[in-house]
Amino acid sequence: MDLAGKVAIVTGGTGGLGVAVVERLLGAGATVITPYVDEMAFARLHECCPTAIGLRVDLTDEAATKAAYDTVATTHGGIDILINAAGGFAGGQPVHQTSWSLWQAQLDINLKTAVISCAAAIPHLINRGGGAIVNVSSRTATQPGANLAAYAAAKRAVLQLTEALAAELLPHNITVNAVLPSVIDTPANRAAMPNADRARWVKPEEIAAVIHFLVGPTARIISGAAIPVYGKA
């Protein structure tokens, strides 16, 4: 229960990785708030994590996100932890065959949501005297890969965001790190790649354990790191 008394916001908490993160932080004693837009997705999360608190908000809406996070801080006494796990993948075509609308969509879901959530949450972390932020980037952000440019660019930008925030928030006792998954063993990925060797994929619970460590008391000396969490994938 090393996170007892801590208030955590987990974006993307209804997704394949997010559910594992929510469950892990709840198990560590944190109060966990999960922004969502899909009622059915949150209902499924609530079945396995009944103490998770839902927060209906569009994370690409700057004003709405700020108002929602302000309400969280007022209701629960502050915010200590932010996990930016909201995101999504689209691609599969060369750059010259990829429309700008797909680039924009990837930037919005992977980068814009993280930037807006950080802007809304950070003042409250500062008011608490410190805290922790973990951004979910991707292995693709650091390695060349054909037909993945829009997704990779958005996730690479998440790494730059992480580094900038780590430098800016150092005086405020706020750590900022990123994890870099590869293929995660989720139902969606199993359906999309039915013939893949799933034995090499990393389970969401394993990545959630790393995120838990990064926001916990024993990782206060780690900030600005990009941590591979792709195992043998």
Protein backbone atom coordinates (compact mmCIF):
# COMPACT_ATOMS: atom_id res chain seq x y z
CA MET A 1 0.00 0.00 0.00
CA ASP A 2 2.84 2.38 -0.85
CA LEU A 3 0.44 4.77 -2.65
CA ALA A 4 -2.06 5.10 0.18
CA GLY A 5 -3.42 8.64 0.29
CA LYS A 6 -2.28 9.42 -3.25
CA VAL A 7 -4.68 10.64 -5.93
CA ALA A 8 -3.93 9.36 -9.42
CA ILE A 9 -5.41 10.18 -12.81
CA VAL A 10 -5.00 7.45 -15.42
CA THR A 11 -5.91 8.52 -18.94
CA GLY A 12 -6.68 5.65 -21.29
CA GLY A 13 -7.71 3.70 -18.22
CA THR A 14 -10.36 1.75 -20.13
CA GLY A 15 -7.81 0.43 -22.66
CA GLY A 16 -5.83 -2.80 -22.70
CA LEU A 17 -2.88 -1.35 -20.77
CA GLY A 18 -4.88 1.22 -18.84
CA VAL A 19 -7.07 -1.33 -17.08
CA ALA A 20 -3.97 -3.07 -15.71
CA VAL A 21 -2.55 0.25 -14.54
CA VAL A 22 -5.79 1.22 -12.80
CA GLU A 23 -5.96 -2.16 -11.08
CA ARG A 24 -2.32 -1.98 -9.99
CA LEU A 25 -2.58 1.54 -8.53
CA LEU A 26 -5.81 0.72 -6.74
CA GLY A 27 -4.09 -2.30 -5.24
CA ALA A 28 -1.32 -0.03 -4.00
CA GLY A 29 -3.84 2.08 -2.11
CA ALA A 30 -4.26 5.04 -4.47
CA THR A 31 -7.51 6.78 -5.31
CA VAL A 32 -7.74 6.37 -9.08
CA ILE A 33 -9.71 8.60 -11.43
CA THR A 34 -10.15 7.50 -15.04
CA PRO A 35 -11.23 9.98 -17.74
CA TYR A 36 -13.42 8.39 -20.40
CA VAL A 37 -15.77 9.17 -23.29
CA ASP A 38 -17.14 5.68 -23.93
CA GLU A 39 -19.75 4.73 -21.31
CA MET A 40 -19.59 1.02 -22.15
CA ALA A 41 -15.79 0.95 -21.91
CA PHE A 42 -15.90 2.50 -18.46
CA ALA A 43 -18.63 0.08 -17.42
CA ARG A 44 -16.32 -2.80 -18.35
CA LEU A 45 -13.50 -1.24 -16.32
CA HIS A 46 -15.83 -0.78 -13.38
CA GLU A 47 -16.68 -4.49 -13.40
CA CYS A 48 -13.09 -5.44 -12.61
CA CYS A 49 -12.18 -2.26 -10.70
CA PRO A 50 -15.34 -1.18 -8.85
CA THR A 51 -13.54 1.46 -6.80
CA ALA A 52 -12.20 3.27 -9.88
CA ILE A 53 -13.79 6.69 -10.30
CA GLY A 54 -14.98 7.72 -13.74
CA LEU A 55 -14.52 11.20 -15.17
CA ARG A 56 -16.39 11.86 -18.40
CA VAL A 57 -14.29 14.33 -20.42
CA ASP A 58 -12.83 14.76 -23.89
CA LEU A 59 -9.07 14.98 -23.29
CA THR A 60 -8.56 16.90 -26.54
CA ASP A 61 -10.71 19.73 -25.12
CA GLU A 62 -8.37 22.00 -23.20
CA ALA A 63 -10.96 23.93 -21.21
CA ALA A 64 -13.04 20.87 -20.36
CA THR A 65 -9.99 18.91 -19.19
CA LYS A 66 -8.78 21.76 -16.98
CA ALA A 67 -12.23 22.11 -15.41
CA ALA A 68 -12.47 18.35 -14.84
CA TYR A 69 -9.03 18.09 -13.23
CA ASP A 70 -9.74 21.14 -11.07
CA THR A 71 -12.86 19.34 -9.84
CA VAL A 72 -10.83 16.20 -9.08
CA ALA A 73 -8.36 18.25 -7.03
CA THR A 74 -11.13 20.01 -5.13
CA THR A 75 -13.04 16.80 -4.45
CA HIS A 76 -10.09 14.64 -3.44
CA GLY A 77 -7.74 17.21 -1.94
CA GLY A 78 -5.26 17.37 -4.81
CA ILE A 79 -3.58 15.32 -7.53
CA ASP A 80 -0.33 13.40 -6.99
CA ILE A 81 0.05 11.15 -10.03
CA LEU A 82 -0.73 11.42 -13.73
CA ILE A 83 -0.43 8.45 -16.08
CA ASN A 84 -0.85 9.39 -19.74
CA ALA A 85 -1.88 6.06 -21.25
CA ALA A 86 -4.46 7.46 -23.65
CA GLY A 87 -3.46 6.74 -27.24
CA GLY A 88 -4.06 4.71 -30.32
CA PHE A 89 -2.44 3.28 -33.41
CA ALA A 90 -3.21 3.85 -37.07
CA GLY A 91 -0.92 3.46 -40.06
CA GLY A 92 0.22 0.85 -42.48
CA GLN A 93 1.00 3.06 -45.47
CA PRO A 94 4.07 4.91 -46.74
CA VAL A 95 4.36 8.59 -45.89
CA HIS A 96 3.45 9.73 -49.41
CA GLN A 97 0.25 7.70 -49.27
CA THR A 98 -0.79 8.83 -45.81
CA SER A 99 -3.27 11.70 -45.61
CA TRP A 100 -2.64 14.56 -43.24
CA SER A 101 -5.92 13.72 -41.50
CA LEU A 102 -4.35 10.49 -40.23
CA TRP A 103 -1.26 12.38 -39.04
CA GLN A 104 -3.49 14.87 -37.24
CA ALA A 105 -5.54 12.10 -35.66
CA GLN A 106 -2.39 10.38 -34.37
CA LEU A 107 -1.03 13.61 -32.97
CA ASP A 108 -4.34 14.36 -31.29
CA ILE A 109 -4.83 11.00 -29.59
CA ASN A 110 -1.20 10.33 -28.64
CA LEU A 111 0.33 13.76 -28.05
CA LYS A 112 -2.41 16.34 -27.61
CA THR A 113 -4.15 14.34 -24.90
CA ALA A 114 -0.89 14.09 -22.96
CA VAL A 115 -0.02 17.77 -23.33
CA ILE A 116 -3.48 18.94 -22.27
CA SER A 117 -3.61 16.52 -19.32
CA CYS A 118 -0.18 17.64 -18.14
CA ALA A 119 -1.16 21.30 -18.37
CA ALA A 120 -4.30 20.63 -16.35
CA ALA A 121 -2.72 18.41 -13.71
CA ILE A 122 0.71 19.95 -13.09
CA PRO A 123 -0.47 22.99 -11.07
CA HIS A 124 -2.14 20.58 -8.67
CA LEU A 125 0.98 18.39 -8.41
CA ILE A 126 2.97 21.52 -7.61
CA ASN A 127 0.45 22.49 -4.94
CA ARG A 128 0.91 19.05 -3.35
CA GLY A 129 4.65 19.65 -3.10
CA GLY A 130 5.61 16.99 -5.64
CA GLY A 131 4.35 14.03 -7.57
CA ALA A 132 4.95 11.80 -10.57
CA ILE A 133 4.00 11.70 -14.24
CA VAL A 134 4.45 8.70 -16.52
CA ASN A 135 3.85 9.01 -20.25
CA VAL A 136 3.28 5.97 -22.46
CA SER A 137 5.36 6.28 -25.63
CA SER A 138 6.35 3.36 -27.86
CA ARG A 139 9.32 1.33 -29.02
CA THR A 140 8.44 2.62 -32.49
CA ALA A 141 9.38 6.13 -31.38
CA THR A 142 13.06 5.21 -31.17
CA GLN A 143 13.49 2.83 -34.10
CA PRO A 144 13.11 3.26 -37.85
CA GLY A 145 10.07 1.57 -39.27
CA ALA A 146 8.39 1.74 -42.64
CA ASN A 147 4.69 2.56 -42.88
CA LEU A 148 4.44 3.78 -39.28
CA ALA A 149 5.54 7.39 -39.60
CA ALA A 150 2.46 9.19 -38.24
CA TYR A 151 2.22 7.00 -35.16
CA ALA A 152 5.99 7.00 -34.60
CA ALA A 153 6.21 10.79 -34.91
CA ALA A 154 3.47 11.31 -32.35
CA LYS A 155 5.08 8.88 -29.92
CA ARG A 156 8.53 10.42 -30.45
CA ALA A 157 7.02 13.78 -29.58
CA VAL A 158 5.82 12.21 -26.32
CA LEU A 159 9.46 11.48 -25.48
CA GLN A 160 10.43 15.10 -26.10
CA LEU A 161 7.51 16.18 -23.92
CA THR A 162 8.78 13.87 -21.19
CA GLU A 163 12.31 15.28 -21.32
CA ALA A 164 11.11 18.89 -21.30
CA LEU A 165 8.76 18.32 -18.38
CA ALA A 166 11.44 16.48 -16.39
CA ALA A 167 13.73 19.52 -16.69
CA GLU A 168 10.99 22.05 -15.97
CA LEU A 169 9.52 20.25 -12.97
CA LEU A 170 12.73 19.19 -11.26
CA PRO A 171 12.57 22.14 -8.82
CA HIS A 172 9.03 21.13 -7.87
CA ASN A 173 9.90 17.56 -6.84
CA ILE A 174 7.88 16.13 -9.72
CA THR A 175 9.37 13.22 -11.64
CA VAL A 176 8.47 12.67 -15.29
CA ASN A 177 9.32 9.45 -17.11
CA ALA A 178 8.16 7.46 -20.13
CA VAL A 179 7.72 3.78 -20.82
CA LEU A 180 8.18 2.32 -24.30
CA PRO A 181 6.07 -0.76 -24.96
CA SER A 182 6.21 -2.82 -28.13
CA VAL A 183 3.34 -5.20 -28.85
CA ILE A 184 1.28 -5.68 -25.70
CA ASP A 185 -0.65 -8.88 -25.11
CA THR A 186 -4.16 -7.43 -25.24
CA PRO A 187 -7.38 -8.85 -26.70
CA ALA A 188 -7.29 -6.20 -29.44
CA ASN A 189 -3.77 -7.14 -30.51
CA ARG A 190 -4.60 -10.86 -30.41
CA ALA A 191 -7.54 -10.22 -32.72
CA ALA A 192 -5.48 -8.05 -35.06
CA MET A 193 -2.55 -10.50 -35.24
CA PRO A 194 -4.02 -13.99 -34.75
CA ASN A 195 -0.95 -15.80 -36.13
CA ALA A 196 1.68 -13.93 -34.14
CA ASP A 197 3.92 -15.53 -31.52
CA ARG A 198 2.17 -14.17 -28.44
CA ALA A 199 4.68 -15.83 -26.13
CA ARG A 200 7.04 -12.95 -26.92
CA TRP A 201 4.54 -10.23 -26.09
CA VAL A 202 4.59 -8.39 -22.79
CA LYS A 203 1.52 -8.61 -20.59
CA PRO A 204 -0.21 -5.38 -19.51
CA GLU A 205 0.26 -6.34 -15.86
CA GLU A 206 4.04 -6.43 -16.31
CA ILE A 207 4.11 -2.91 -17.74
CA ALA A 208 1.74 -1.72 -15.03
CA ALA A 209 4.24 -2.97 -12.44
CA VAL A 210 6.96 -0.77 -13.97
CA ILE A 211 4.64 2.24 -13.99
CA HIS A 212 3.77 1.56 -10.36
CA PHE A 213 7.46 1.56 -9.49
CA LEU A 214 8.04 4.85 -11.31
CA VAL A 215 5.31 6.66 -9.38
CA GLY A 216 6.22 5.06 -6.06
CA PRO A 217 8.47 6.30 -3.26
CA THR A 218 11.55 4.30 -4.29
CA ALA A 219 11.83 5.93 -7.74
CA ARG A 220 12.11 9.55 -6.66
CA ILE A 221 15.63 9.79 -8.10
CA ILE A 222 14.50 8.77 -11.59
CA SER A 223 13.28 11.50 -13.95
CA GLY A 224 13.57 12.08 -17.67
CA ALA A 225 14.00 8.38 -18.42
CA ALA A 226 12.61 6.49 -21.42
CA ILE A 227 12.33 2.90 -20.23
CA PRO A 228 11.97 0.00 -22.68
CA VAL A 229 9.27 -2.41 -21.53
CA TYR A 230 9.09 -4.72 -24.53
CA GLY A 231 10.87 -7.76 -23.15
CA LYS A 232 11.39 -10.28 -25.96
CA ALA A 233 8.83 -8.75 -28.31
